Amino acid sequence: MTHVVTESCIRCKYTDCVDVCPVDCFREGPNFLVIDPDECIDCAVCIPECPVNAILPEEDVPADQMKFIAINAELSPKWPSITKRKAALPDADEWKDRKDKLGELKR
């Protein structure tokens, strides 16, 4: 199994998780991060680092977030690797508690 970045990350893009990843499996898009399922070793060290609880083990992804398993797999080969923490998006605090952000995802 792998870990999955879910909707909570959209328009926030906190990058605390990338600093702890031992295999550099995170990929960076314009306003979202994804995990490369072929690189993730299922170590779970990223989960407690995410301030918006956007990272889940694949088997724990709730039904309304299942589409993010495919989104992570689709976008990870297209986006560049991110291995160092960066500042969150400027308006991340305004977006962190919002729901239904899929329409905001920039590919």
PDB file of N, CA and C in Angstrom:
ATOM      1  N   MET A   1       0.835  -1.182   0.000  1.00  0.00           N
ATOM      2  CA  MET A   1       0.000   0.000   0.000  1.00  0.00           C
ATOM      3  C   MET A   1       0.882   1.248   0.000  1.00  0.00           C
ATOM      4  N   THR A   2       0.246   2.351  -0.261  1.00  0.00           N
ATOM      5  CA  THR A   2       0.941   3.634  -0.304  1.00  0.00           C
ATOM      6  C   THR A   2       0.141   4.654   0.492  1.00  0.00           C
ATOM      7  N   HIS A   3       0.678   5.834   0.580  1.00  0.00           N
ATOM      8  CA  HIS A   3      -0.034   6.928   1.215  1.00  0.00           C
ATOM      9  C   HIS A   3      -0.557   7.856   0.130  1.00  0.00           C
ATOM     10  N   VAL A   4      -1.583   8.607   0.466  1.00  0.00           N
ATOM     11  CA  VAL A   4      -2.289   9.431  -0.501  1.00  0.00           C
ATOM     12  C   VAL A   4      -2.471  10.828   0.071  1.00  0.00           C
ATOM     13  N   VAL A   5      -2.197  11.839  -0.760  1.00  0.00           N
ATOM     14  CA  VAL A   5      -2.504  13.213  -0.379  1.00  0.00           C
ATOM     15  C   VAL A   5      -3.935  13.480  -0.838  1.00  0.00           C
ATOM     16  N   THR A   6      -4.760  13.955   0.080  1.00  0.00           N
ATOM     17  CA  THR A   6      -6.172  14.165  -0.203  1.00  0.00           C
ATOM     18  C   THR A   6      -6.493  15.657  -0.335  1.00  0.00           C
ATOM     19  N   GLU A   7      -7.771  15.924  -0.491  1.00  0.00           N
ATOM     20  CA  GLU A   7      -8.290  17.255  -0.807  1.00  0.00           C
ATOM     21  C   GLU A   7      -7.842  18.369   0.137  1.00  0.00           C
ATOM     22  N   SER A   8      -7.601  18.067   1.390  1.00  0.00           N
ATOM     23  CA  SER A   8      -7.231  19.108   2.352  1.00  0.00           C
ATOM     24  C   SER A   8      -5.987  19.879   1.945  1.00  0.00           C
ATOM     25  N   CYS A   9      -5.137  19.288   1.125  1.00  0.00           N
ATOM     26  CA  CYS A   9      -3.897  19.938   0.691  1.00  0.00           C
ATOM     27  C   CYS A   9      -4.131  21.021  -0.369  1.00  0.00           C
ATOM     28  N   ILE A  10      -5.208  20.918  -1.106  1.00  0.00           N
ATOM     29  CA  ILE A  10      -5.458  21.852  -2.205  1.00  0.00           C
ATOM     30  C   ILE A  10      -5.536  23.284  -1.671  1.00  0.00           C
ATOM     31  N   ARG A  11      -4.789  24.160  -2.325  1.00  0.00           N
ATOM     32  CA  ARG A  11      -4.690  25.590  -2.022  1.00  0.00           C
ATOM     33  C   ARG A  11      -4.021  25.876  -0.690  1.00  0.00           C
ATOM     34  N   CYS A  12      -3.434  24.879  -0.066  1.00  0.00           N
ATOM     35  CA  CYS A  12      -2.645  25.073   1.155  1.00  0.00           C
ATOM     36  C   CYS A  12      -1.182  24.775   0.842  1.00  0.00           C
ATOM     37  N   LYS A  13      -0.941  23.531   0.440  1.00  0.00           N
ATOM     38  CA  LYS A  13       0.387  23.055   0.066  1.00  0.00           C
ATOM     39  C   LYS A  13       1.430  23.318   1.149  1.00  0.00           C
ATOM     40  N   TYR A  14       1.105  22.913   2.358  1.00  0.00           N
ATOM     41  CA  TYR A  14       2.117  22.910   3.412  1.00  0.00           C
ATOM     42  C   TYR A  14       3.119  21.823   3.036  1.00  0.00           C
ATOM     43  N   THR A  15       4.379  22.054   3.244  1.00  0.00           N
ATOM     44  CA  THR A  15       5.384  21.099   2.777  1.00  0.00           C
ATOM     45  C   THR A  15       6.198  20.489   3.914  1.00  0.00           C
ATOM     46  N   ASP A  16       5.687  20.527   5.111  1.00  0.00           N
ATOM     47  CA  ASP A  16       6.367  19.921   6.254  1.00  0.00           C
ATOM     48  C   ASP A  16       6.669  18.446   5.998  1.00  0.00           C
ATOM     49  N   CYS A  17       5.780  17.786   5.277  1.00  0.00           N
ATOM     50  CA  CYS A  17       5.886  16.354   5.001  1.00  0.00           C
ATOM     51  C   CYS A  17       7.117  15.990   4.179  1.00  0.00           C
ATOM     52  N   VAL A  18       7.517  16.866   3.274  1.00  0.00           N
ATOM     53  CA  VAL A  18       8.611  16.505   2.371  1.00  0.00           C
ATOM     54  C   VAL A  18       9.950  16.411   3.093  1.00  0.00           C
ATOM     55  N   ASP A  19      10.115  17.174   4.163  1.00  0.00           N
ATOM     56  CA  ASP A  19      11.376  17.145   4.923  1.00  0.00           C
ATOM     57  C   ASP A  19      11.645  15.793   5.573  1.00  0.00           C
ATOM     58  N   VAL A  20      10.600  15.074   5.924  1.00  0.00           N
ATOM     59  CA  VAL A  20      10.780  13.813   6.657  1.00  0.00           C
ATOM     60  C   VAL A  20      10.738  12.572   5.771  1.00  0.00           C
ATOM     61  N   CYS A  21      10.359  12.734   4.524  1.00  0.00           N
ATOM     62  CA  CYS A  21      10.222  11.577   3.640  1.00  0.00           C
ATOM     63  C   CYS A  21      11.595  10.984   3.314  1.00  0.00           C
ATOM     64  N   PRO A  22      11.822   9.718   3.668  1.00  0.00           N
ATOM     65  CA  PRO A  22      13.134   9.111   3.429  1.00  0.00           C
ATOM     66  C   PRO A  22      13.392   8.721   1.974  1.00  0.00           C
ATOM     67  N   VAL A  23      12.344   8.715   1.142  1.00  0.00           N
ATOM     68  CA  VAL A  23      12.523   8.287  -0.250  1.00  0.00           C
ATOM     69  C   VAL A  23      12.137   9.365  -1.266  1.00  0.00           C
ATOM     70  N   ASP A  24      11.865  10.567  -0.811  1.00  0.00           N
ATOM     71  CA  ASP A  24      11.544  11.686  -1.698  1.00  0.00           C
ATOM     72  C   ASP A  24      10.420  11.352  -2.676  1.00  0.00           C
ATOM     73  N   CYS A  25       9.297  10.891  -2.144  1.00  0.00           N
ATOM     74  CA  CYS A  25       8.197  10.477  -3.013  1.00  0.00           C
ATOM     75  C   CYS A  25       7.168  11.582  -3.273  1.00  0.00           C
ATOM     76  N   PHE A  26       7.381  12.770  -2.718  1.00  0.00           N
ATOM     77  CA  PHE A  26       6.429  13.855  -2.947  1.00  0.00           C
ATOM     78  C   PHE A  26       6.716  14.566  -4.259  1.00  0.00           C
ATOM     79  N   ARG A  27       5.636  14.969  -4.924  1.00  0.00           N
ATOM     80  CA  ARG A  27       5.725  15.729  -6.162  1.00  0.00           C
ATOM     81  C   ARG A  27       4.915  17.014  -5.967  1.00  0.00           C
ATOM     82  N   GLU A  28       5.396  18.099  -6.591  1.00  0.00           N
ATOM     83  CA  GLU A  28       4.801  19.408  -6.363  1.00  0.00           C
ATOM     84  C   GLU A  28       4.108  19.951  -7.599  1.00  0.00           C
ATOM     85  N   GLY A  29       2.838  20.308  -7.411  1.00  0.00           N
ATOM     86  CA  GLY A  29       2.085  20.992  -8.450  1.00  0.00           C
ATOM     87  C   GLY A  29       1.873  22.440  -8.048  1.00  0.00           C
ATOM     88  N   PRO A  30       1.117  23.181  -8.832  1.00  0.00           N
ATOM     89  CA  PRO A  30       0.921  24.598  -8.557  1.00  0.00           C
ATOM     90  C   PRO A  30       0.292  24.904  -7.190  1.00  0.00           C
ATOM     91  N   ASN A  31      -0.684  24.077  -6.777  1.00  0.00           N
ATOM     92  CA  ASN A  31      -1.340  24.360  -5.492  1.00  0.00           C
ATOM     93  C   ASN A  31      -1.693  23.086  -4.713  1.00  0.00           C
ATOM     94  N   PHE A  32      -0.892  22.042  -4.915  1.00  0.00           N
ATOM     95  CA  PHE A  32      -1.201  20.733  -4.322  1.00  0.00           C
ATOM     96  C   PHE A  32       0.058  19.882  -4.388  1.00  0.00           C
ATOM     97  N   LEU A  33       0.201  18.974  -3.450  1.00  0.00           N
ATOM     98  CA  LEU A  33       1.263  17.968  -3.485  1.00  0.00           C
ATOM     99  C   LEU A  33       0.629  16.612  -3.733  1.00  0.00           C
ATOM    100  N   VAL A  34       1.381  15.710  -4.333  1.00  0.00           N
ATOM    101  CA  VAL A  34       0.939  14.326  -4.463  1.00  0.00           C
ATOM    102  C   VAL A  34       2.079  13.409  -4.028  1.00  0.00           C
ATOM    103  N   ILE A  35       1.734  12.172  -3.757  1.00  0.00           N
ATOM    104  CA  ILE A  35       2.712  11.137  -3.426  1.00  0.00           C
ATOM    105  C   ILE A  35       2.796  10.176  -4.600  1.00  0.00           C
ATOM    106  N   ASP A  36       4.008   9.912  -5.028  1.00  0.00           N
ATOM    107  CA  ASP A  36       4.223   8.938  -6.104  1.00  0.00           C
ATOM    108  C   ASP A  36       4.020   7.542  -5.505  1.00  0.00           C
ATOM    109  N   PRO A  37       2.978   6.825  -5.927  1.00  0.00           N
ATOM    110  CA  PRO A  37       2.702   5.517  -5.333  1.00  0.00           C
ATOM    111  C   PRO A  37       3.778   4.480  -5.631  1.00  0.00           C
ATOM    112  N   ASP A  38       4.571   4.707  -6.674  1.00  0.00           N
ATOM    113  CA  ASP A  38       5.642   3.772  -6.996  1.00  0.00           C
ATOM    114  C   ASP A  38       6.884   4.000  -6.131  1.00  0.00           C
ATOM    115  N   GLU A  39       6.976   5.156  -5.504  1.00  0.00           N
ATOM    116  CA  GLU A  39       8.131   5.493  -4.668  1.00  0.00           C
ATOM    117  C   GLU A  39       7.846   5.354  -3.172  1.00  0.00           C
ATOM    118  N   CYS A  40       6.610   5.560  -2.767  1.00  0.00           N
ATOM    119  CA  CYS A  40       6.248   5.534  -1.343  1.00  0.00           C
ATOM    120  C   CYS A  40       6.517   4.155  -0.750  1.00  0.00           C
ATOM    121  N   ILE A  41       7.179   4.139   0.401  1.00  0.00           N
ATOM    122  CA  ILE A  41       7.482   2.863   1.068  1.00  0.00           C
ATOM    123  C   ILE A  41       6.561   2.604   2.257  1.00  0.00           C
ATOM    124  N   ASP A  42       5.521   3.422   2.384  1.00  0.00           N
ATOM    125  CA  ASP A  42       4.501   3.196   3.411  1.00  0.00           C
ATOM    126  C   ASP A  42       5.060   3.328   4.824  1.00  0.00           C
ATOM    127  N   CYS A  43       6.000   4.236   5.033  1.00  0.00           N
ATOM    128  CA  CYS A  43       6.620   4.382   6.352  1.00  0.00           C
ATOM    129  C   CYS A  43       5.781   5.225   7.316  1.00  0.00           C
ATOM    130  N   ALA A  44       4.926   6.079   6.790  1.00  0.00           N
ATOM    131  CA  ALA A  44       3.983   6.891   7.566  1.00  0.00           C
ATOM    132  C   ALA A  44       4.601   8.048   8.332  1.00  0.00           C
ATOM    133  N   VAL A  45       5.863   8.360   8.137  1.00  0.00           N
ATOM    134  CA  VAL A  45       6.457   9.477   8.881  1.00  0.00           C
ATOM    135  C   VAL A  45       5.884  10.825   8.450  1.00  0.00           C
ATOM    136  N   CYS A  46       5.315  10.903   7.266  1.00  0.00           N
ATOM    137  CA  CYS A  46       4.749  12.156   6.770  1.00  0.00           C
ATOM    138  C   CYS A  46       3.408  12.498   7.424  1.00  0.00           C
ATOM    139  N   ILE A  47       2.661  11.504   7.838  1.00  0.00           N
ATOM    140  CA  ILE A  47       1.301  11.720   8.340  1.00  0.00           C
ATOM    141  C   ILE A  47       1.245  12.734   9.490  1.00  0.00           C
ATOM    142  N   PRO A  48       2.016  12.578  10.544  1.00  0.00           N
ATOM    143  CA  PRO A  48       1.901  13.542  11.641  1.00  0.00           C
ATOM    144  C   PRO A  48       2.457  14.927  11.312  1.00  0.00           C
ATOM    145  N   GLU A  49       3.197  15.042  10.230  1.00  0.00           N
ATOM    146  CA  GLU A  49       3.776  16.333   9.855  1.00  0.00           C
ATOM    147  C   GLU A  49       2.781  17.254   9.157  1.00  0.00           C
ATOM    148  N   CYS A  50       1.734  16.703   8.603  1.00  0.00           N
ATOM    149  CA  CYS A  50       0.781  17.500   7.831  1.00  0.00           C
ATOM    150  C   CYS A  50      -0.170  18.258   8.760  1.00  0.00           C
ATOM    151  N   PRO A  51      -0.121  19.590   8.735  1.00  0.00           N
ATOM    152  CA  PRO A  51      -0.968  20.364   9.642  1.00  0.00           C
ATOM    153  C   PRO A  51      -2.455  20.351   9.290  1.00  0.00           C
ATOM    154  N   VAL A  52      -2.807  19.856   8.100  1.00  0.00           N
ATOM    155  CA  VAL A  52      -4.218  19.798   7.707  1.00  0.00           C
ATOM    156  C   VAL A  52      -4.724  18.366   7.563  1.00  0.00           C
ATOM    157  N   ASN A  53      -3.923  17.402   8.020  1.00  0.00           N
ATOM    158  CA  ASN A  53      -4.316  15.987   7.983  1.00  0.00           C
ATOM    159  C   ASN A  53      -4.714  15.514   6.588  1.00  0.00           C
ATOM    160  N   ALA A  54      -3.939  15.931   5.594  1.00  0.00           N
ATOM    161  CA  ALA A  54      -4.250  15.605   4.210  1.00  0.00           C
ATOM    162  C   ALA A  54      -3.680  14.262   3.765  1.00  0.00           C
ATOM    163  N   ILE A  55      -2.770  13.671   4.538  1.00  0.00           N
ATOM    164  CA  ILE A  55      -2.102  12.436   4.113  1.00  0.00           C
ATOM    165  C   ILE A  55      -2.680  11.244   4.878  1.00  0.00           C
ATOM    166  N   LEU A  56      -3.086  10.250   4.113  1.00  0.00           N
ATOM    167  CA  LEU A  56      -3.698   9.056   4.708  1.00  0.00           C
ATOM    168  C   LEU A  56      -3.129   7.805   4.058  1.00  0.00           C
ATOM    169  N   PRO A  57      -3.083   6.702   4.810  1.00  0.00           N
ATOM    170  CA  PRO A  57      -2.777   5.426   4.169  1.00  0.00           C
ATOM    171  C   PRO A  57      -3.891   5.114   3.164  1.00  0.00           C
ATOM    172  N   GLU A  58      -3.520   4.540   2.049  1.00  0.00           N
ATOM    173  CA  GLU A  58      -4.500   4.258   1.000  1.00  0.00           C
ATOM    174  C   GLU A  58      -5.711   3.494   1.529  1.00  0.00           C
ATOM    175  N   GLU A  59      -5.474   2.540   2.409  1.00  0.00           N
ATOM    176  CA  GLU A  59      -6.591   1.734   2.917  1.00  0.00           C
ATOM    177  C   GLU A  59      -7.516   2.508   3.854  1.00  0.00           C
ATOM    178  N   ASP A  60      -7.098   3.699   4.308  1.00  0.00           N
ATOM    179  CA  ASP A  60      -7.921   4.511   5.209  1.00  0.00           C
ATOM    180  C   ASP A  60      -8.567   5.714   4.525  1.00  0.00           C
ATOM    181  N   VAL A  61      -8.400   5.839   3.228  1.00  0.00           N
ATOM    182  CA  VAL A  61      -8.982   6.970   2.508  1.00  0.00           C
ATOM    183  C   VAL A  61     -10.501   6.822   2.530  1.00  0.00           C
ATOM    184  N   PRO A  62     -11.217   7.852   3.022  1.00  0.00           N
ATOM    185  CA  PRO A  62     -12.678   7.753   3.067  1.00  0.00           C
ATOM    186  C   PRO A  62     -13.295   7.747   1.665  1.00  0.00           C
ATOM    187  N   ALA A  63     -14.492   7.259   1.569  1.00  0.00           N
ATOM    188  CA  ALA A  63     -15.166   7.103   0.273  1.00  0.00           C
ATOM    189  C   ALA A  63     -15.201   8.403  -0.522  1.00  0.00           C
ATOM    190  N   ASP A  64     -15.436   9.521   0.142  1.00  0.00           N
ATOM    191  CA  ASP A  64     -15.540  10.787  -0.587  1.00  0.00           C
ATOM    192  C   ASP A  64     -14.188  11.329  -1.055  1.00  0.00           C
ATOM    193  N   GLN A  65     -13.101  10.664  -0.672  1.00  0.00           N
ATOM    194  CA  GLN A  65     -11.751  11.080  -1.072  1.00  0.00           C
ATOM    195  C   GLN A  65     -11.058  10.042  -1.952  1.00  0.00           C
ATOM    196  N   MET A  66     -11.745   8.955  -2.296  1.00  0.00           N
ATOM    197  CA  MET A  66     -11.145   7.871  -3.077  1.00  0.00           C
ATOM    198  C   MET A  66     -10.572   8.339  -4.414  1.00  0.00           C
ATOM    199  N   LYS A  67     -11.159   9.348  -5.005  1.00  0.00           N
ATOM    200  CA  LYS A  67     -10.671   9.848  -6.295  1.00  0.00           C
ATOM    201  C   LYS A  67      -9.231  10.356  -6.193  1.00  0.00           C
ATOM    202  N   PHE A  68      -8.777  10.679  -4.989  1.00  0.00           N
ATOM    203  CA  PHE A  68      -7.413  11.183  -4.814  1.00  0.00           C
ATOM    204  C   PHE A  68      -6.358  10.089  -4.942  1.00  0.00           C
ATOM    205  N   ILE A  69      -6.745   8.846  -4.815  1.00  0.00           N
ATOM    206  CA  ILE A  69      -5.805   7.754  -5.090  1.00  0.00           C
ATOM    207  C   ILE A  69      -5.399   7.824  -6.565  1.00  0.00           C
ATOM    208  N   ALA A  70      -6.384   7.968  -7.446  1.00  0.00           N
ATOM    209  CA  ALA A  70      -6.109   8.080  -8.880  1.00  0.00           C
ATOM    210  C   ALA A  70      -5.423   9.394  -9.219  1.00  0.00           C
ATOM    211  N   ILE A  71      -5.794  10.469  -8.552  1.00  0.00           N
ATOM    212  CA  ILE A  71      -5.180  11.772  -8.820  1.00  0.00           C
ATOM    213  C   ILE A  71      -3.698  11.743  -8.463  1.00  0.00           C
ATOM    214  N   ASN A  72      -3.333  11.158  -7.327  1.00  0.00           N
ATOM    215  CA  ASN A  72      -1.920  11.040  -6.957  1.00  0.00           C
ATOM    216  C   ASN A  72      -1.164  10.234  -8.006  1.00  0.00           C
ATOM    217  N   ALA A  73      -1.743   9.119  -8.437  1.00  0.00           N
ATOM    218  CA  ALA A  73      -1.088   8.268  -9.434  1.00  0.00           C
ATOM    219  C   ALA A  73      -0.970   8.969 -10.784  1.00  0.00           C
ATOM    220  N   GLU A  74      -1.976   9.736 -11.156  1.00  0.00           N
ATOM    221  CA  GLU A  74      -1.979  10.433 -12.439  1.00  0.00           C
ATOM    222  C   GLU A  74      -0.960  11.574 -12.471  1.00  0.00           C
ATOM    223  N   LEU A  75      -0.916  12.364 -11.415  1.00  0.00           N
ATOM    224  CA  LEU A  75      -0.098  13.575 -11.438  1.00  0.00           C
ATOM    225  C   LEU A  75       1.353  13.362 -11.023  1.00  0.00           C
ATOM    226  N   SER A  76       1.636  12.326 -10.252  1.00  0.00           N
ATOM    227  CA  SER A  76       3.011  12.144  -9.761  1.00  0.00           C
ATOM    228  C   SER A  76       4.047  11.991 -10.882  1.00  0.00           C
ATOM    229  N   PRO A  77       3.757  11.330 -12.001  1.00  0.00           N
ATOM    230  CA  PRO A  77       4.776  11.266 -13.052  1.00  0.00           C
ATOM    231  C   PRO A  77       4.945  12.586 -13.815  1.00  0.00           C
ATOM    232  N   LYS A  78       3.985  13.469 -13.705  1.00  0.00           N
ATOM    233  CA  LYS A  78       4.000  14.727 -14.447  1.00  0.00           C
ATOM    234  C   LYS A  78       4.644  15.871 -13.672  1.00  0.00           C
ATOM    235  N   TRP A  79       4.608  15.799 -12.358  1.00  0.00           N
ATOM    236  CA  TRP A  79       5.086  16.913 -11.537  1.00  0.00           C
ATOM    237  C   TRP A  79       6.489  16.637 -11.014  1.00  0.00           C
ATOM    238  N   PRO A  80       7.272  17.696 -10.757  1.00  0.00           N
ATOM    239  CA  PRO A  80       8.638  17.519 -10.265  1.00  0.00           C
ATOM    240  C   PRO A  80       8.677  17.097  -8.794  1.00  0.00           C
ATOM    241  N   SER A  81       9.759  16.450  -8.456  1.00  0.00           N
ATOM    242  CA  SER A  81       9.997  16.038  -7.071  1.00  0.00           C
ATOM    243  C   SER A  81      10.235  17.264  -6.200  1.00  0.00           C
ATOM    244  N   ILE A  82       9.770  17.203  -4.977  1.00  0.00           N
ATOM    245  CA  ILE A  82      10.051  18.236  -3.989  1.00  0.00           C
ATOM    246  C   ILE A  82      10.672  17.538  -2.786  1.00  0.00           C
ATOM    247  N   THR A  83      11.832  18.021  -2.347  1.00  0.00           N
ATOM    248  CA  THR A  83      12.556  17.345  -1.271  1.00  0.00           C
ATOM    249  C   THR A  83      12.863  18.261  -0.081  1.00  0.00           C
ATOM    250  N   LYS A  84      12.570  19.526  -0.221  1.00  0.00           N
ATOM    251  CA  LYS A  84      12.830  20.489   0.866  1.00  0.00           C
ATOM    252  C   LYS A  84      11.575  21.306   1.132  1.00  0.00           C
ATOM    253  N   ARG A  85      11.396  21.623   2.393  1.00  0.00           N
ATOM    254  CA  ARG A  85      10.245  22.414   2.806  1.00  0.00           C
ATOM    255  C   ARG A  85      10.295  23.801   2.165  1.00  0.00           C
ATOM    256  N   LYS A  86       9.126  24.271   1.768  1.00  0.00           N
ATOM    257  CA  LYS A  86       8.941  25.617   1.243  1.00  0.00           C
ATOM    258  C   LYS A  86       7.821  26.261   2.037  1.00  0.00           C
ATOM    259  N   ALA A  87       7.681  27.547   1.888  1.00  0.00           N
ATOM    260  CA  ALA A  87       6.565  28.239   2.528  1.00  0.00           C
ATOM    261  C   ALA A  87       5.255  27.747   1.926  1.00  0.00           C
ATOM    262  N   ALA A  88       4.242  27.669   2.756  1.00  0.00           N
ATOM    263  CA  ALA A  88       2.907  27.313   2.269  1.00  0.00           C
ATOM    264  C   ALA A  88       2.416  28.421   1.351  1.00  0.00           C
ATOM    265  N   LEU A  89       1.357  28.154   0.637  1.00  0.00           N
ATOM    266  CA  LEU A  89       0.783  29.178  -0.224  1.00  0.00           C
ATOM    267  C   LEU A  89       0.347  30.372   0.632  1.00  0.00           C
ATOM    268  N   PRO A  90       0.417  31.576   0.086  1.00  0.00           N
ATOM    269  CA  PRO A  90       0.150  32.782   0.885  1.00  0.00           C
ATOM    270  C   PRO A  90      -1.209  32.796   1.581  1.00  0.00           C
ATOM    271  N   ASP A  91      -2.215  32.208   0.962  1.00  0.00           N
ATOM    272  CA  ASP A  91      -3.550  32.210   1.572  1.00  0.00           C
ATOM    273  C   ASP A  91      -3.929  30.836   2.150  1.00  0.00           C
ATOM    274  N   ALA A  92      -2.934  30.041   2.479  1.00  0.00           N
ATOM    275  CA  ALA A  92      -3.174  28.677   2.982  1.00  0.00           C
ATOM    276  C   ALA A  92      -4.063  28.658   4.217  1.00  0.00           C
ATOM    277  N   ASP A  93      -3.844  29.574   5.133  1.00  0.00           N
ATOM    278  CA  ASP A  93      -4.648  29.576   6.362  1.00  0.00           C
ATOM    279  C   ASP A  93      -6.127  29.836   6.080  1.00  0.00           C
ATOM    280  N   GLU A  94      -6.417  30.569   5.019  1.00  0.00           N
ATOM    281  CA  GLU A  94      -7.809  30.837   4.650  1.00  0.00           C
ATOM    282  C   GLU A  94      -8.475  29.593   4.048  1.00  0.00           C
ATOM    283  N   TRP A  95      -7.683  28.707   3.464  1.00  0.00           N
ATOM    284  CA  TRP A  95      -8.207  27.537   2.761  1.00  0.00           C
ATOM    285  C   TRP A  95      -8.139  26.248   3.563  1.00  0.00           C
ATOM    286  N   LYS A  96      -7.361  26.208   4.635  1.00  0.00           N
ATOM    287  CA  LYS A  96      -7.073  24.932   5.285  1.00  0.00           C
ATOM    288  C   LYS A  96      -8.290  24.186   5.826  1.00  0.00           C
ATOM    289  N   ASP A  97      -9.332  24.874   6.221  1.00  0.00           N
ATOM    290  CA  ASP A  97     -10.501  24.208   6.786  1.00  0.00           C
ATOM    291  C   ASP A  97     -11.673  24.096   5.815  1.00  0.00           C
ATOM    292  N   ARG A  98     -11.482  24.528   4.592  1.00  0.00           N
ATOM    293  CA  ARG A  98     -12.561  24.456   3.603  1.00  0.00           C
ATOM    294  C   ARG A  98     -12.703  23.047   3.063  1.00  0.00           C
ATOM    295  N   LYS A  99     -13.899  22.732   2.660  1.00  0.00           N
ATOM    296  CA  LYS A  99     -14.226  21.431   2.062  1.00  0.00           C
ATOM    297  C   LYS A  99     -14.552  21.633   0.587  1.00  0.00           C
ATOM    298  N   ASP A 100     -14.667  20.553  -0.136  1.00  0.00           N
ATOM    299  CA  ASP A 100     -15.051  20.575  -1.543  1.00  0.00           C
ATOM    300  C   ASP A 100     -14.154  21.486  -2.366  1.00  0.00           C
ATOM    301  N   LYS A 101     -12.836  21.230  -2.292  1.00  0.00           N
ATOM    302  CA  LYS A 101     -11.855  22.058  -2.992  1.00  0.00           C
ATOM    303  C   LYS A 101     -11.361  21.442  -4.304  1.00  0.00           C
ATOM    304  N   LEU A 102     -11.883  20.322  -4.709  1.00  0.00           N
ATOM    305  CA  LEU A 102     -11.380  19.652  -5.905  1.00  0.00           C
ATOM    306  C   LEU A 102     -11.389  20.575  -7.133  1.00  0.00           C
ATOM    307  N   GLY A 103     -12.416  21.402  -7.246  1.00  0.00           N
ATOM    308  CA  GLY A 103     -12.501  22.334  -8.367  1.00  0.00           C
ATOM    309  C   GLY A 103     -11.381  23.372  -8.373  1.00  0.00           C
ATOM    310  N   GLU A 104     -10.697  23.522  -7.256  1.00  0.00           N
ATOM    311  CA  GLU A 104      -9.578  24.471  -7.137  1.00  0.00           C
ATOM    312  C   GLU A 104      -8.232  23.860  -7.547  1.00  0.00           C
ATOM    313  N   LEU A 105      -8.201  22.547  -7.755  1.00  0.00           N
ATOM    314  CA  LEU A 105      -6.942  21.874  -8.081  1.00  0.00           C
ATOM    315  C   LEU A 105      -6.423  22.325  -9.439  1.00  0.00           C
ATOM    316  N   LYS A 106      -5.196  22.852  -9.433  1.00  0.00           N
ATOM    317  CA  LYS A 106      -4.534  23.244 -10.687  1.00  0.00           C
ATOM    318  C   LYS A 106      -3.617  22.110 -11.099  1.00  0.00           C
ATOM    319  N   ARG A 107      -3.805  21.641 -12.309  1.00  0.00           N
ATOM    320  CA  ARG A 107      -3.013  20.531 -12.816  1.00  0.00           C
ATOM    321  C   ARG A 107      -1.888  21.039 -13.651  1.00  0.00           C
TER     322      ARG A 107
END
